[in-house]
Amino acid sequence: MSNNIENELRVTVAKILEVDVEVIQHDSSSDTLESWDSLKHMSIIVEIEKKYGIQFLDDDIEKVLSFDSLLARVEELLNS
C-alpha cells in the first residue's frame, strides 16, 4: 500500500507544481523546486485531503515542506 500511496502522491504533487513526475524525488521540497511556493503548497494540501479523506493539522501544514515529510504524514494519518 505504501508504494501505491507514494506513486499517487508523486503524481499529485507533480501535477500541481506543473513538473514531470520524475522531478519529484524524496528530497524534493519548497527549497529545491522553484514552483513549490506557498500557494501551490496549500493546493497540494487541499488536494491530498480531498483525495484521501484526511485532514492535516495547522502544525502539519507548516512542517510538510518536502515530499518525504508529506508522504510520511499522509501515511500516519491514513493509518490512525
Protein backbone atom coordinates (compact mmCIF):
# COMPACT_ATOMS: atom_id res chain seq x y z
CA MET A 1 0.00 0.00 0.00
CA SER A 2 2.81 2.41 0.87
CA ASN A 3 4.36 2.24 -2.59
CA ASN A 4 0.97 2.91 -4.18
CA ILE A 5 0.42 5.95 -1.97
CA GLU A 6 3.92 7.18 -2.77
CA ASN A 7 3.29 6.92 -6.51
CA GLU A 8 -0.14 8.60 -6.27
CA LEU A 9 1.28 11.36 -4.11
CA ARG A 10 4.17 11.91 -6.52
CA VAL A 11 1.71 12.29 -9.42
CA THR A 12 -0.48 14.70 -7.44
CA VAL A 13 2.44 16.90 -6.36
CA ALA A 14 3.91 16.93 -9.87
CA LYS A 15 0.57 17.90 -11.40
CA ILE A 16 0.06 20.80 -9.00
CA LEU A 17 3.66 22.01 -9.36
CA GLU A 18 3.42 21.58 -13.15
CA VAL A 19 6.58 19.47 -13.38
CA ASP A 20 7.32 15.99 -14.71
CA VAL A 21 6.67 13.19 -12.23
CA GLU A 22 10.35 12.19 -12.43
CA VAL A 23 11.30 15.57 -10.93
CA ILE A 24 9.55 14.68 -7.65
CA GLN A 25 12.05 12.78 -5.52
CA HIS A 26 12.17 12.08 -1.78
CA ASP A 27 14.33 15.15 -1.22
CA SER A 28 12.14 17.45 -3.34
CA SER A 29 10.95 20.39 -1.30
CA SER A 30 9.94 24.02 -1.33
CA ASP A 31 13.68 24.75 -1.14
CA THR A 32 14.64 22.64 -4.16
CA LEU A 33 11.73 23.32 -6.51
CA GLU A 34 11.07 26.87 -7.59
CA SER A 35 7.42 26.15 -8.41
CA TRP A 36 6.72 24.90 -4.85
CA ASP A 37 5.57 28.21 -3.40
CA SER A 38 3.12 28.84 -0.57
CA LEU A 39 0.05 28.95 -2.81
CA LYS A 40 0.92 25.67 -4.52
CA HIS A 41 1.77 24.16 -1.15
CA MET A 42 -1.77 24.86 0.03
CA SER A 43 -3.13 23.42 -3.23
CA ILE A 44 -1.14 20.24 -2.56
CA ILE A 45 -2.55 20.03 0.97
CA VAL A 46 -6.16 20.58 -0.14
CA GLU A 47 -5.90 18.07 -2.98
CA ILE A 48 -4.42 15.39 -0.71
CA GLU A 49 -7.09 15.99 1.93
CA LYS A 50 -9.83 15.55 -0.69
CA LYS A 51 -8.20 12.53 -2.33
CA TYR A 52 -7.61 10.56 0.88
CA GLY A 53 -10.36 11.92 3.14
CA ILE A 54 -7.83 13.10 5.72
CA GLN A 55 -7.24 16.43 7.41
CA PHE A 56 -3.89 17.99 8.18
CA LEU A 57 -3.49 19.91 11.42
CA ASP A 58 -2.30 23.51 11.15
CA ASP A 59 1.10 22.44 12.52
CA ASP A 60 1.33 19.73 9.86
CA ILE A 61 0.88 22.22 7.05
CA GLU A 62 3.92 24.18 8.19
CA LYS A 63 6.04 21.03 8.66
CA VAL A 64 5.40 19.04 5.48
CA LEU A 65 7.53 21.14 3.16
CA SER A 66 9.24 18.20 1.44
CA PHE A 67 7.94 15.22 -0.47
CA ASP A 68 9.40 12.86 2.11
CA SER A 69 7.76 14.61 5.09
CA LEU A 70 4.48 14.90 3.19
CA LEU A 71 4.48 11.18 2.39
CA ALA A 72 5.28 10.25 5.98
CA ARG A 73 2.46 12.41 7.38
CA VAL A 74 -0.09 11.13 4.85
CA GLU A 75 0.78 7.54 5.78
CA GLU A 76 0.47 8.39 9.51
CA LEU A 77 -2.94 9.99 9.01
CA LEU A 78 -4.18 7.09 6.90
CA ASN A 79 -3.04 4.56 9.49
CA SER A 80 -4.52 6.35 12.51
